[in-house]
Amino acid sequence: MNNQYLVSIVTPAYNCEDFISETIDSVLAQTYSNWEMIIVNDKSTDNTVEVINKYVQKDSRIKLINLNENSGAAVARNKAIEKAKGRFIAFLDSDDRWKREKLKKQIDFMNNNNFGFTFTAYEYIKDENNSKDKIFSVPESLNYTQALKNTIIGCLTVIIDRNIVGDFRMPLVRRGQDNLTWLMLLQKGNIAYGLNENLAEYRLVNGSLSNNKFKALKRQWFNYRHVIKLSLLKCIYYYLWYIFNNVRKYYFS
C-alpha cells in the first residue's frame, strides 16, 4: 500500500451483526482501492466478531482489533487512529454505508484544493428495509463559530488529512465525541470544507442513542458548558442556534 494517499477507515463496532456486512461491503465496493479498514470491536456480545472475521480472512486490508472491555466509541475510534497507517483518516460506523465513489471523489476534492478537513452530504436510511428518508445538504465551509451553531457534519462523511491538520484524538466522553472532535479541530484554526454531494447513507436505528433527541439536547449543553467550557452567555447563544438549526435540518430541509 502507498501510504502517501492511503485512507485509514475507522470503524467502532458493538453488537452490529445485523448491519456490519453491509458496511464492510460498501467499503469493498469503493472505486478507490488504497485503503485499510480498522474495525475495533468494543466487546460485542453477539456474533459481530464472527461476521467480521470472515472478511478479515478474505481481504488483508480489513483489520480487527478486540477491546478487553466495553469502553465506548471514543476509545474504540482512538485505538483505530493510533494503529492507522494512512495519511487520511475516514470515519464509518458499523451500521452506515458509503456510495461507491465516496472515497475517490472526496480524496480528489481534498488533493485538488489542498483541504485538510472535509465532509459531504449524506442521506438517512430509515429502517431495516433500507427505505430512504431525506438528504442532508452541506455548506461550502464551516469555521469554529459556525460549527458551534450546527451539527451538519456527519461523522460517516468526514475525512481528515493528517499531513495538514496534524495528529488528533477524540475526547473521552461516551456520547457526542465526534462533534466535539470537529469543534476542537476547528478551534485550532482549521476550516471544514463541504462537498455537497450525497456520498453516504446513515442508518437511523429505532431506539439507538443517536436517535434520542432529548438526550442529544442535554448532551450538547453539557459538552458546550463543561467540555468546551463556553461562558454561560456564549453557551446559551450557541445552544439556541444549535436547536434552531437542528429543527430546520430535520423538519424543514
C-alpha atoms as a PDB file:
ATOM      1  CA  MET A   1       0.000   0.000   0.000  1.00  0.00           C
ATOM      2  CA  ASN A   2       1.186   3.521  -0.864  1.00  0.00           C
ATOM      3  CA  ASN A   3       0.920   5.378   2.429  1.00  0.00           C
ATOM      4  CA  GLN A   4       1.133   8.754   0.666  1.00  0.00           C
ATOM      5  CA  TYR A   5      -2.538   8.502  -0.269  1.00  0.00           C
ATOM      6  CA  LEU A   6      -3.622   5.638   1.986  1.00  0.00           C
ATOM      7  CA  VAL A   7      -7.008   6.118   3.659  1.00  0.00           C
ATOM      8  CA  SER A   8      -7.419   4.538   7.098  1.00  0.00           C
ATOM      9  CA  ILE A   9     -11.098   3.865   7.746  1.00  0.00           C
ATOM     10  CA  VAL A  10     -12.044   3.955  11.434  1.00  0.00           C
ATOM     11  CA  THR A  11     -14.994   1.750  12.406  1.00  0.00           C
ATOM     12  CA  PRO A  12     -16.070   1.130  16.014  1.00  0.00           C
ATOM     13  CA  ALA A  13     -18.270  -1.966  16.318  1.00  0.00           C
ATOM     14  CA  TYR A  14     -20.600  -3.080  19.073  1.00  0.00           C
ATOM     15  CA  ASN A  15     -23.359  -5.667  18.670  1.00  0.00           C
ATOM     16  CA  CYS A  16     -23.791  -4.870  14.994  1.00  0.00           C
ATOM     17  CA  GLU A  17     -24.122  -8.318  13.449  1.00  0.00           C
ATOM     18  CA  ASP A  18     -27.252  -7.242  11.541  1.00  0.00           C
ATOM     19  CA  PHE A  19     -25.587  -4.428   9.574  1.00  0.00           C
ATOM     20  CA  ILE A  20     -21.787  -4.729   9.684  1.00  0.00           C
ATOM     21  CA  SER A  21     -21.705  -6.817   6.490  1.00  0.00           C
ATOM     22  CA  GLU A  22     -23.399  -4.025   4.555  1.00  0.00           C
ATOM     23  CA  THR A  23     -20.921  -1.529   5.993  1.00  0.00           C
ATOM     24  CA  ILE A  24     -17.876  -3.588   5.001  1.00  0.00           C
ATOM     25  CA  ASP A  25     -19.358  -4.412   1.586  1.00  0.00           C
ATOM     26  CA  SER A  26     -19.761  -0.690   0.891  1.00  0.00           C
ATOM     27  CA  VAL A  27     -16.035  -0.233   1.554  1.00  0.00           C
ATOM     28  CA  LEU A  28     -15.064  -3.208  -0.608  1.00  0.00           C
ATOM     29  CA  ALA A  29     -17.139  -1.697  -3.417  1.00  0.00           C
ATOM     30  CA  GLN A  30     -15.195   1.586  -3.410  1.00  0.00           C
ATOM     31  CA  THR A  31     -13.707   2.688  -6.719  1.00  0.00           C
ATOM     32  CA  TYR A  32     -10.736   3.983  -4.680  1.00  0.00           C
ATOM     33  CA  SER A  33      -8.777   0.927  -3.559  1.00  0.00           C
ATOM     34  CA  ASN A  34      -5.906   2.398  -1.499  1.00  0.00           C
ATOM     35  CA  TRP A  35      -7.464   1.942   1.926  1.00  0.00           C
ATOM     36  CA  GLU A  36      -7.259  -0.033   5.129  1.00  0.00           C
ATOM     37  CA  MET A  37     -10.294  -0.616   7.325  1.00  0.00           C
ATOM     38  CA  ILE A  38      -9.606  -0.811  11.054  1.00  0.00           C
ATOM     39  CA  ILE A  39     -12.602  -2.253  12.899  1.00  0.00           C
ATOM     40  CA  VAL A  40     -12.456  -2.070  16.689  1.00  0.00           C
ATOM     41  CA  ASN A  41     -14.800  -4.498  18.402  1.00  0.00           C
ATOM     42  CA  ASP A  42     -15.986  -2.892  21.646  1.00  0.00           C
ATOM     43  CA  LYS A  43     -16.541  -6.266  23.367  1.00  0.00           C
ATOM     44  CA  SER A  44     -19.680  -7.238  21.463  1.00  0.00           C
ATOM     45  CA  THR A  45     -21.894  -9.934  22.939  1.00  0.00           C
ATOM     46  CA  ASP A  46     -23.484 -11.085  19.674  1.00  0.00           C
ATOM     47  CA  ASN A  47     -21.914 -12.576  16.520  1.00  0.00           C
ATOM     48  CA  THR A  48     -20.242  -9.359  15.382  1.00  0.00           C
ATOM     49  CA  VAL A  49     -16.719 -10.789  15.629  1.00  0.00           C
ATOM     50  CA  GLU A  50     -17.601 -13.903  13.649  1.00  0.00           C
ATOM     51  CA  VAL A  51     -19.078 -11.820  10.851  1.00  0.00           C
ATOM     52  CA  ILE A  52     -16.058  -9.504  10.688  1.00  0.00           C
ATOM     53  CA  ASN A  53     -13.534 -12.355  10.780  1.00  0.00           C
ATOM     54  CA  LYS A  54     -14.957 -13.780   7.563  1.00  0.00           C
ATOM     55  CA  TYR A  55     -13.980 -10.545   5.827  1.00  0.00           C
ATOM     56  CA  VAL A  56     -10.599 -10.334   7.565  1.00  0.00           C
ATOM     57  CA  GLN A  57      -9.712 -13.760   6.172  1.00  0.00           C
ATOM     58  CA  LYS A  58     -10.597 -12.692   2.629  1.00  0.00           C
ATOM     59  CA  ASP A  59      -9.030  -9.215   2.435  1.00  0.00           C
ATOM     60  CA  SER A  60      -5.812  -8.174   4.193  1.00  0.00           C
ATOM     61  CA  ARG A  61      -6.881  -4.518   4.080  1.00  0.00           C
ATOM     62  CA  ILE A  62      -9.513  -5.276   6.729  1.00  0.00           C
ATOM     63  CA  LYS A  63      -8.146  -5.452  10.269  1.00  0.00           C
ATOM     64  CA  LEU A  64      -9.915  -6.330  13.524  1.00  0.00           C
ATOM     65  CA  ILE A  65      -8.930  -5.127  16.994  1.00  0.00           C
ATOM     66  CA  ASN A  66     -10.758  -6.557  20.018  1.00  0.00           C
ATOM     67  CA  LEU A  67     -11.061  -4.482  23.190  1.00  0.00           C
ATOM     68  CA  ASN A  68     -10.984  -6.343  26.517  1.00  0.00           C
ATOM     69  CA  GLU A  69     -13.879  -4.347  27.939  1.00  0.00           C
ATOM     70  CA  ASN A  70     -16.722  -2.267  26.608  1.00  0.00           C
ATOM     71  CA  SER A  71     -15.269   1.248  26.537  1.00  0.00           C
ATOM     72  CA  GLY A  72     -17.401   3.325  24.174  1.00  0.00           C
ATOM     73  CA  ALA A  73     -16.962   4.714  20.689  1.00  0.00           C
ATOM     74  CA  ALA A  74     -14.342   7.325  21.615  1.00  0.00           C
ATOM     75  CA  VAL A  75     -11.918   4.737  22.984  1.00  0.00           C
ATOM     76  CA  ALA A  76     -12.597   2.422  20.035  1.00  0.00           C
ATOM     77  CA  ARG A  77     -12.026   5.171  17.468  1.00  0.00           C
ATOM     78  CA  ASN A  78      -8.872   6.376  19.211  1.00  0.00           C
ATOM     79  CA  LYS A  79      -7.463   2.853  19.228  1.00  0.00           C
ATOM     80  CA  ALA A  80      -8.027   2.680  15.466  1.00  0.00           C
ATOM     81  CA  ILE A  81      -6.450   6.106  14.918  1.00  0.00           C
ATOM     82  CA  GLU A  82      -3.385   5.001  16.900  1.00  0.00           C
ATOM     83  CA  LYS A  83      -2.978   1.936  14.666  1.00  0.00           C
ATOM     84  CA  ALA A  84      -3.779   3.779  11.422  1.00  0.00           C
ATOM     85  CA  LYS A  85      -1.016   3.861   8.815  1.00  0.00           C
ATOM     86  CA  GLY A  86      -2.792   6.226   6.427  1.00  0.00           C
ATOM     87  CA  ARG A  87      -2.258   9.887   5.799  1.00  0.00           C
ATOM     88  CA  PHE A  88      -6.044  10.236   5.585  1.00  0.00           C
ATOM     89  CA  ILE A  89      -8.411   9.249   8.406  1.00  0.00           C
ATOM     90  CA  ALA A  90     -12.011   8.478   7.433  1.00  0.00           C
ATOM     91  CA  PHE A  91     -14.885   7.506   9.701  1.00  0.00           C
ATOM     92  CA  LEU A  92     -17.605   4.934   9.052  1.00  0.00           C
ATOM     93  CA  ASP A  93     -19.757   3.479  11.807  1.00  0.00           C
ATOM     94  CA  SER A  94     -20.812  -0.144  11.797  1.00  0.00           C
ATOM     95  CA  ASP A  95     -24.396   0.370  10.621  1.00  0.00           C
ATOM     96  CA  ASP A  96     -23.739   3.013   7.948  1.00  0.00           C
ATOM     97  CA  ARG A  97     -22.714   2.738   4.292  1.00  0.00           C
ATOM     98  CA  TRP A  98     -20.808   4.637   1.635  1.00  0.00           C
ATOM     99  CA  LYS A  99     -21.664   5.195  -2.016  1.00  0.00           C
ATOM    100  CA  ARG A 100     -19.222   3.554  -4.429  1.00  0.00           C
ATOM    101  CA  GLU A 101     -17.339   6.726  -5.390  1.00  0.00           C
ATOM    102  CA  LYS A 102     -17.239   8.267  -1.920  1.00  0.00           C
ATOM    103  CA  LEU A 103     -13.519   7.909  -1.296  1.00  0.00           C
ATOM    104  CA  LYS A 104     -12.438   8.693  -4.864  1.00  0.00           C
ATOM    105  CA  LYS A 105     -14.450  11.895  -5.101  1.00  0.00           C
ATOM    106  CA  GLN A 106     -13.597  13.130  -1.628  1.00  0.00           C
ATOM    107  CA  ILE A 107      -9.858  12.402  -1.837  1.00  0.00           C
ATOM    108  CA  ASP A 108      -9.715  14.144  -5.224  1.00  0.00           C
ATOM    109  CA  PHE A 109     -11.621  17.075  -3.686  1.00  0.00           C
ATOM    110  CA  MET A 110      -9.062  17.304  -0.904  1.00  0.00           C
ATOM    111  CA  ASN A 111      -5.939  16.869  -3.018  1.00  0.00           C
ATOM    112  CA  ASN A 112      -7.066  19.254  -5.768  1.00  0.00           C
ATOM    113  CA  ASN A 113      -7.773  22.014  -3.234  1.00  0.00           C
ATOM    114  CA  ASN A 114      -5.242  21.221  -0.503  1.00  0.00           C
ATOM    115  CA  PHE A 115      -8.049  20.777   2.056  1.00  0.00           C
ATOM    116  CA  GLY A 116      -7.208  19.090   5.350  1.00  0.00           C
ATOM    117  CA  PHE A 117     -10.732  18.573   6.761  1.00  0.00           C
ATOM    118  CA  THR A 118     -13.726  17.703   4.575  1.00  0.00           C
ATOM    119  CA  PHE A 119     -17.244  16.341   4.879  1.00  0.00           C
ATOM    120  CA  THR A 120     -20.043  15.564   2.424  1.00  0.00           C
ATOM    121  CA  ALA A 121     -23.800  15.470   2.061  1.00  0.00           C
ATOM    122  CA  TYR A 122     -25.494  12.241   3.116  1.00  0.00           C
ATOM    123  CA  GLU A 123     -28.893  10.601   3.389  1.00  0.00           C
ATOM    124  CA  TYR A 124     -30.875   8.751   6.024  1.00  0.00           C
ATOM    125  CA  ILE A 125     -31.808   5.075   5.846  1.00  0.00           C
ATOM    126  CA  LYS A 126     -34.978   4.862   7.897  1.00  0.00           C
ATOM    127  CA  ASP A 127     -35.269   1.182   8.717  1.00  0.00           C
ATOM    128  CA  GLU A 128     -34.261  -2.404   8.038  1.00  0.00           C
ATOM    129  CA  ASN A 129     -35.958  -2.209   4.637  1.00  0.00           C
ATOM    130  CA  ASN A 130     -33.441   0.447   3.542  1.00  0.00           C
ATOM    131  CA  SER A 131     -36.171   2.956   2.765  1.00  0.00           C
ATOM    132  CA  LYS A 132     -34.708   6.421   2.277  1.00  0.00           C
ATOM    133  CA  ASP A 133     -35.815   9.407   4.325  1.00  0.00           C
ATOM    134  CA  LYS A 134     -34.031  12.625   3.340  1.00  0.00           C
ATOM    135  CA  ILE A 135     -30.773  14.028   2.058  1.00  0.00           C
ATOM    136  CA  PHE A 136     -28.785  16.477   4.178  1.00  0.00           C
ATOM    137  CA  SER A 137     -27.003  19.078   2.096  1.00  0.00           C
ATOM    138  CA  VAL A 138     -23.847  20.750   3.394  1.00  0.00           C
ATOM    139  CA  PRO A 139     -22.368  24.267   3.142  1.00  0.00           C
ATOM    140  CA  GLU A 140     -19.160  25.079   1.276  1.00  0.00           C
ATOM    141  CA  SER A 141     -17.271  25.502   4.540  1.00  0.00           C
ATOM    142  CA  LEU A 142     -17.573  25.841   8.307  1.00  0.00           C
ATOM    143  CA  ASN A 143     -15.319  27.609  10.773  1.00  0.00           C
ATOM    144  CA  TYR A 144     -15.357  27.167  14.544  1.00  0.00           C
ATOM    145  CA  THR A 145     -18.095  29.664  15.399  1.00  0.00           C
ATOM    146  CA  GLN A 146     -20.287  28.445  12.535  1.00  0.00           C
ATOM    147  CA  ALA A 147     -19.881  24.830  13.653  1.00  0.00           C
ATOM    148  CA  LEU A 148     -20.890  25.710  17.209  1.00  0.00           C
ATOM    149  CA  LYS A 149     -24.293  26.643  15.805  1.00  0.00           C
ATOM    150  CA  ASN A 150     -24.692  23.495  13.752  1.00  0.00           C
ATOM    151  CA  THR A 151     -24.212  19.727  13.654  1.00  0.00           C
ATOM    152  CA  ILE A 152     -24.352  19.280   9.893  1.00  0.00           C
ATOM    153  CA  ILE A 153     -21.006  17.463   9.812  1.00  0.00           C
ATOM    154  CA  GLY A 154     -21.911  13.774   9.614  1.00  0.00           C
ATOM    155  CA  CYS A 155     -19.244  11.562  11.165  1.00  0.00           C
ATOM    156  CA  LEU A 156     -19.611   8.967   8.389  1.00  0.00           C
ATOM    157  CA  THR A 157     -18.656  11.621   5.826  1.00  0.00           C
ATOM    158  CA  VAL A 158     -15.548  13.112   7.462  1.00  0.00           C
ATOM    159  CA  ILE A 159     -12.015  12.654   6.123  1.00  0.00           C
ATOM    160  CA  ILE A 160      -9.021  14.282   7.840  1.00  0.00           C
ATOM    161  CA  ASP A 161      -5.620  14.747   6.170  1.00  0.00           C
ATOM    162  CA  ARG A 162      -3.095  14.337   8.991  1.00  0.00           C
ATOM    163  CA  ASN A 163      -0.376  15.927   6.882  1.00  0.00           C
ATOM    164  CA  ILE A 164      -2.315  19.197   7.051  1.00  0.00           C
ATOM    165  CA  VAL A 165      -4.344  19.008  10.266  1.00  0.00           C
ATOM    166  CA  GLY A 166      -1.846  17.009  12.320  1.00  0.00           C
ATOM    167  CA  ASP A 167      -2.430  14.076  14.634  1.00  0.00           C
ATOM    168  CA  PHE A 168      -5.547  14.119  16.798  1.00  0.00           C
ATOM    169  CA  ARG A 169      -7.652  12.043  19.163  1.00  0.00           C
ATOM    170  CA  MET A 170     -11.294  12.128  20.166  1.00  0.00           C
ATOM    171  CA  PRO A 171     -12.176  13.374  23.667  1.00  0.00           C
ATOM    172  CA  LEU A 172     -13.038  10.555  26.056  1.00  0.00           C
ATOM    173  CA  VAL A 173     -16.728  11.207  26.522  1.00  0.00           C
ATOM    174  CA  ARG A 174     -19.302   8.490  25.961  1.00  0.00           C
ATOM    175  CA  ARG A 175     -21.558  10.484  23.645  1.00  0.00           C
ATOM    176  CA  GLY A 176     -21.037  13.261  21.124  1.00  0.00           C
ATOM    177  CA  GLN A 177     -17.285  12.816  20.881  1.00  0.00           C
ATOM    178  CA  ASP A 178     -17.361  13.145  17.097  1.00  0.00           C
ATOM    179  CA  ASN A 179     -18.933  16.614  17.137  1.00  0.00           C
ATOM    180  CA  LEU A 180     -16.560  17.666  19.909  1.00  0.00           C
ATOM    181  CA  THR A 181     -13.614  16.495  17.819  1.00  0.00           C
ATOM    182  CA  TRP A 182     -14.665  18.629  14.855  1.00  0.00           C
ATOM    183  CA  LEU A 183     -15.082  21.647  17.145  1.00  0.00           C
ATOM    184  CA  MET A 184     -11.661  21.136  18.706  1.00  0.00           C
ATOM    185  CA  LEU A 185     -10.005  20.842  15.292  1.00  0.00           C
ATOM    186  CA  LEU A 186     -11.784  23.966  14.064  1.00  0.00           C
ATOM    187  CA  GLN A 187     -10.918  25.845  17.256  1.00  0.00           C
ATOM    188  CA  LYS A 188      -7.264  25.481  16.242  1.00  0.00           C
ATOM    189  CA  GLY A 189      -7.950  27.470  13.084  1.00  0.00           C
ATOM    190  CA  ASN A 190      -8.769  24.670  10.663  1.00  0.00           C
ATOM    191  CA  ILE A 191     -11.684  25.045   8.245  1.00  0.00           C
ATOM    192  CA  ALA A 192     -14.048  22.183   7.385  1.00  0.00           C
ATOM    193  CA  TYR A 193     -14.886  22.135   3.671  1.00  0.00           C
ATOM    194  CA  GLY A 194     -18.123  20.623   2.426  1.00  0.00           C
ATOM    195  CA  LEU A 195     -18.538  18.563  -0.727  1.00  0.00           C
ATOM    196  CA  ASN A 196     -22.259  18.942  -1.377  1.00  0.00           C
ATOM    197  CA  GLU A 197     -22.779  15.562  -2.983  1.00  0.00           C
ATOM    198  CA  ASN A 198     -24.680  12.705  -1.348  1.00  0.00           C
ATOM    199  CA  LEU A 199     -21.967  10.082  -0.851  1.00  0.00           C
ATOM    200  CA  ALA A 200     -23.043   8.239   2.303  1.00  0.00           C
ATOM    201  CA  GLU A 201     -26.007   6.570   3.976  1.00  0.00           C
ATOM    202  CA  TYR A 202     -26.663   6.992   7.684  1.00  0.00           C
ATOM    203  CA  ARG A 203     -28.860   4.317   9.236  1.00  0.00           C
ATOM    204  CA  LEU A 204     -31.397   5.590  11.751  1.00  0.00           C
ATOM    205  CA  VAL A 205     -31.949   2.618  14.064  1.00  0.00           C
ATOM    206  CA  ASN A 206     -35.039   2.783  16.263  1.00  0.00           C
ATOM    207  CA  GLY A 207     -34.053   3.127  19.909  1.00  0.00           C
ATOM    208  CA  SER A 208     -30.441   3.970  19.129  1.00  0.00           C
ATOM    209  CA  LEU A 209     -28.577   6.528  21.222  1.00  0.00           C
ATOM    210  CA  SER A 210     -28.137   8.841  18.271  1.00  0.00           C
ATOM    211  CA  ASN A 211     -31.894   8.722  17.660  1.00  0.00           C
ATOM    212  CA  ASN A 212     -32.781  10.086  21.112  1.00  0.00           C
ATOM    213  CA  LYS A 213     -33.289  13.811  20.530  1.00  0.00           C
ATOM    214  CA  PHE A 214     -33.875  14.729  24.187  1.00  0.00           C
ATOM    215  CA  LYS A 215     -30.640  13.092  25.317  1.00  0.00           C
ATOM    216  CA  ALA A 216     -28.827  14.765  22.430  1.00  0.00           C
ATOM    217  CA  LEU A 217     -30.005  18.176  23.631  1.00  0.00           C
ATOM    218  CA  LYS A 218     -28.829  17.508  27.184  1.00  0.00           C
ATOM    219  CA  ARG A 219     -25.511  16.179  25.899  1.00  0.00           C
ATOM    220  CA  GLN A 220     -24.916  19.210  23.697  1.00  0.00           C
ATOM    221  CA  TRP A 221     -25.470  21.615  26.569  1.00  0.00           C
ATOM    222  CA  PHE A 222     -23.106  19.622  28.795  1.00  0.00           C
ATOM    223  CA  ASN A 223     -20.421  19.498  26.104  1.00  0.00           C
ATOM    224  CA  TYR A 224     -20.649  23.219  25.377  1.00  0.00           C
ATOM    225  CA  ARG A 225     -20.572  24.211  29.043  1.00  0.00           C
ATOM    226  CA  HIS A 226     -18.249  21.650  30.610  1.00  0.00           C
ATOM    227  CA  VAL A 227     -16.054  20.215  27.849  1.00  0.00           C
ATOM    228  CA  ILE A 228     -15.526  23.191  25.544  1.00  0.00           C
ATOM    229  CA  LYS A 229     -16.076  25.437  28.582  1.00  0.00           C
ATOM    230  CA  LEU A 230     -18.043  28.218  26.942  1.00  0.00           C
ATOM    231  CA  SER A 231     -19.144  31.048  29.198  1.00  0.00           C
ATOM    232  CA  LEU A 232     -22.778  30.916  30.263  1.00  0.00           C
ATOM    233  CA  LEU A 233     -23.858  33.662  27.842  1.00  0.00           C
ATOM    234  CA  LYS A 234     -21.979  32.119  24.912  1.00  0.00           C
ATOM    235  CA  CYS A 235     -23.326  28.710  25.829  1.00  0.00           C
ATOM    236  CA  ILE A 236     -26.913  29.984  25.747  1.00  0.00           C
ATOM    237  CA  TYR A 237     -26.296  31.816  22.464  1.00  0.00           C
ATOM    238  CA  TYR A 238     -24.761  28.901  20.587  1.00  0.00           C
ATOM    239  CA  TYR A 239     -27.124  26.377  22.155  1.00  0.00           C
ATOM    240  CA  LEU A 240     -30.167  28.276  20.895  1.00  0.00           C
ATOM    241  CA  TRP A 241     -28.608  28.394  17.433  1.00  0.00           C
ATOM    242  CA  TYR A 242     -27.930  24.653  17.687  1.00  0.00           C
ATOM    243  CA  ILE A 243     -31.596  23.950  18.475  1.00  0.00           C
ATOM    244  CA  PHE A 244     -32.801  26.242  15.687  1.00  0.00           C
ATOM    245  CA  ASN A 245     -30.534  24.652  13.078  1.00  0.00           C
ATOM    246  CA  ASN A 246     -31.448  21.137  14.179  1.00  0.00           C
ATOM    247  CA  VAL A 247     -35.173  21.863  13.890  1.00  0.00           C
ATOM    248  CA  ARG A 248     -34.556  23.308  10.430  1.00  0.00           C
ATOM    249  CA  LYS A 249     -32.313  20.364   9.486  1.00  0.00           C
ATOM    250  CA  TYR A 250     -34.738  17.612  10.437  1.00  0.00           C
ATOM    251  CA  TYR A 251     -38.107  19.197   9.743  1.00  0.00           C
ATOM    252  CA  PHE A 252     -37.729  21.921   7.123  1.00  0.00           C
ATOM    253  CA  SER A 253     -34.831  20.846   4.886  1.00  0.00           C
END
